[in-house]
Amino acid sequence: MTIKLTGLALGLAAGFVMSWARISDPAVVRDMLLLRDAHLYLVMGSAVVVAAAGVRLLRAFGVRAFLTGDEIAWTTEPPQRRHVAGSALFGVGWCVAGTCPGPVAAMIGEGHLGGVAVAAGLMAGVTCQRLLADRRARRAVGDEPGVVGM
């Protein structure tokens, strides 16, 4: 329960910061995508730099995850076709929605109805990805009809 309450508090704080930085304002996102305003590029870039430096420092000093106590670790893999396809689909989603999916909860909280459409699109995308992953897994073990087993 403590982890859930901490997550809720951190989520509320993150939503407040997103709203304060105007990341959840569709007009600001549109201006960024049209290269009229660099504000959001600077916000996102600084977040990436701070997060990258932070996790590397935490890992270097052997600090464990705050809430779960897990070791901070990750693996890398070379880019694959699915990464390129996913990136392209993500970009198309930005174009169609006219906004980033990251602050969708803050958008909904502020009353931007476009946030509901973005959330629905995210849920549909996650559902499709899960169905495709399950299908690939069944195909790999030969459980799918019409596929000859190993």
Protein backbone atom coordinates (compact mmCIF):
# COMPACT_ATOMS: atom_id res chain seq x y z
CA MET A 1 0.00 0.00 0.00
CA THR A 2 2.90 2.35 0.75
CA ILE A 3 4.26 1.87 -2.77
CA LYS A 4 0.86 2.71 -4.29
CA LEU A 5 0.45 5.85 -2.16
CA THR A 6 4.00 6.94 -2.97
CA GLY A 7 3.31 6.33 -6.66
CA LEU A 8 0.12 8.38 -6.42
CA ALA A 9 1.94 11.25 -4.72
CA LEU A 10 4.76 11.20 -7.27
CA GLY A 11 2.22 11.02 -10.10
CA LEU A 12 0.33 14.02 -8.76
CA ALA A 13 3.58 15.95 -8.41
CA ALA A 14 4.63 15.01 -11.95
CA GLY A 15 1.23 16.08 -13.30
CA PHE A 16 1.50 19.41 -11.51
CA VAL A 17 4.97 20.00 -12.97
CA MET A 18 3.77 19.03 -16.47
CA SER A 19 0.87 21.42 -16.16
CA TRP A 20 3.09 24.19 -14.79
CA ALA A 21 5.60 23.70 -17.63
CA ARG A 22 2.64 23.73 -20.09
CA ILE A 23 3.64 20.34 -21.48
CA SER A 24 -0.01 19.31 -21.38
CA ASP A 25 -1.23 22.28 -23.42
CA PRO A 26 -2.08 21.06 -26.96
CA ALA A 27 -1.36 24.51 -28.44
CA VAL A 28 2.16 24.51 -26.96
CA VAL A 29 2.80 20.98 -28.26
CA ARG A 30 1.53 22.00 -31.71
CA ASP A 31 3.89 24.99 -31.74
CA MET A 32 6.76 22.68 -30.82
CA LEU A 33 5.90 20.21 -33.59
CA LEU A 34 5.69 23.07 -36.11
CA LEU A 35 9.14 24.26 -34.92
CA ARG A 36 7.70 27.60 -33.79
CA ASP A 37 8.79 27.24 -30.15
CA ALA A 38 11.74 25.36 -28.64
CA HIS A 39 10.35 25.47 -25.08
CA LEU A 40 9.24 21.83 -24.95
CA TYR A 41 12.37 20.58 -26.71
CA LEU A 42 14.39 22.23 -23.95
CA VAL A 43 12.16 20.78 -21.21
CA MET A 44 12.33 17.26 -22.66
CA GLY A 45 16.04 17.50 -23.39
CA SER A 46 16.86 18.63 -19.88
CA ALA A 47 14.71 15.82 -18.45
CA VAL A 48 16.60 13.24 -20.53
CA VAL A 49 19.99 14.62 -19.46
CA VAL A 50 19.07 14.73 -15.76
CA ALA A 51 17.51 11.25 -15.82
CA ALA A 52 20.41 9.70 -17.75
CA ALA A 53 22.99 11.20 -15.42
CA GLY A 54 20.93 10.32 -12.36
CA VAL A 55 20.40 6.63 -13.12
CA ARG A 56 24.03 6.20 -14.10
CA LEU A 57 25.18 7.78 -10.84
CA LEU A 58 22.76 5.67 -8.81
CA ARG A 59 23.96 2.54 -10.58
CA ALA A 60 27.63 3.48 -10.18
CA PHE A 61 27.24 3.95 -6.42
CA GLY A 62 25.20 0.74 -6.02
CA VAL A 63 22.07 2.55 -4.83
CA ARG A 64 18.95 0.40 -5.00
CA ALA A 65 15.50 1.46 -6.23
CA PHE A 66 13.79 3.68 -3.65
CA LEU A 67 10.40 1.98 -3.52
CA THR A 68 11.15 -1.65 -4.33
CA GLY A 69 14.77 -2.11 -3.27
CA ASP A 70 15.58 -3.69 -6.64
CA GLU A 71 18.98 -3.27 -8.24
CA ILE A 72 19.09 -0.48 -10.82
CA ALA A 73 20.04 -2.26 -14.02
CA TRP A 74 19.24 -2.41 -17.73
CA THR A 75 20.28 -4.26 -20.82
CA THR A 76 20.91 -2.93 -24.30
CA GLU A 77 20.18 -4.45 -27.67
CA PRO A 78 20.85 -3.27 -31.21
CA PRO A 79 17.98 -1.54 -33.02
CA GLN A 80 15.60 -3.94 -34.72
CA ARG A 81 12.84 -3.57 -37.29
CA ARG A 82 10.21 -3.51 -34.53
CA HIS A 83 11.94 -0.48 -32.92
CA VAL A 84 11.82 1.46 -36.19
CA ALA A 85 8.19 0.47 -36.79
CA GLY A 86 7.23 1.42 -33.23
CA SER A 87 8.99 4.77 -33.52
CA ALA A 88 7.21 5.52 -36.79
CA LEU A 89 3.85 4.57 -35.28
CA PHE A 90 4.58 6.75 -32.24
CA GLY A 91 5.35 9.69 -34.57
CA VAL A 92 2.16 9.13 -36.54
CA GLY A 93 0.23 9.12 -33.26
CA TRP A 94 1.77 12.47 -32.35
CA CYS A 95 0.73 13.87 -35.73
CA VAL A 96 -2.82 12.58 -35.51
CA ALA A 97 -3.36 13.55 -31.87
CA GLY A 98 -1.33 16.74 -32.08
CA THR A 99 0.12 16.04 -28.68
CA CYS A 100 2.48 13.83 -26.72
CA PRO A 101 0.97 10.86 -24.89
CA GLY A 102 3.18 11.44 -21.83
CA PRO A 103 1.06 14.08 -20.09
CA VAL A 104 -2.30 12.50 -20.99
CA ALA A 105 -3.42 12.27 -17.34
CA ALA A 106 -2.52 15.92 -16.79
CA MET A 107 -4.42 16.85 -19.96
CA ILE A 108 -7.53 15.04 -18.76
CA GLY A 109 -7.15 16.60 -15.31
CA GLU A 110 -7.03 20.06 -16.91
CA GLY A 111 -10.19 19.31 -18.91
CA HIS A 112 -8.61 18.98 -22.37
CA LEU A 113 -10.98 16.55 -24.09
CA GLY A 114 -8.26 15.64 -26.57
CA GLY A 115 -6.58 13.87 -23.67
CA VAL A 116 -9.41 11.34 -23.57
CA ALA A 117 -8.85 10.54 -27.26
CA VAL A 118 -5.11 10.20 -26.67
CA ALA A 119 -5.74 7.87 -23.71
CA ALA A 120 -8.11 5.76 -25.83
CA GLY A 121 -5.49 5.57 -28.58
CA LEU A 122 -2.84 4.52 -26.06
CA MET A 123 -5.07 1.79 -24.67
CA ALA A 124 -5.87 0.54 -28.19
CA GLY A 125 -2.18 0.53 -29.09
CA VAL A 126 -1.18 -1.35 -25.96
CA THR A 127 -3.96 -3.90 -26.53
CA CYS A 128 -2.88 -4.44 -30.17
CA GLN A 129 0.75 -4.82 -29.12
CA ARG A 130 -0.18 -7.39 -26.50
CA LEU A 131 -2.29 -9.36 -28.99
CA LEU A 132 0.53 -9.35 -31.53
CA ALA A 133 3.08 -10.40 -28.91
CA ASP A 134 0.84 -13.28 -27.80
CA ARG A 135 0.39 -14.34 -31.42
CA ARG A 136 4.15 -14.27 -32.01
CA ALA A 137 4.70 -16.33 -28.87
CA ARG A 138 2.11 -18.94 -29.93
CA ARG A 139 3.63 -19.07 -33.41
CA ALA A 140 7.10 -19.62 -31.92
CA VAL A 141 5.94 -22.73 -30.05
CA GLY A 142 3.68 -23.97 -32.86
CA ASP A 143 0.36 -23.62 -31.00
CA GLU A 144 -1.28 -21.41 -33.61
CA PRO A 145 -3.68 -23.17 -36.03
CA GLY A 146 -2.15 -23.72 -39.43
CA VAL A 147 1.41 -23.59 -38.12
CA VAL A 148 3.44 -26.76 -38.19
CA GLY A 149 5.02 -27.49 -34.80
CA MET A 150 8.71 -28.01 -34.21
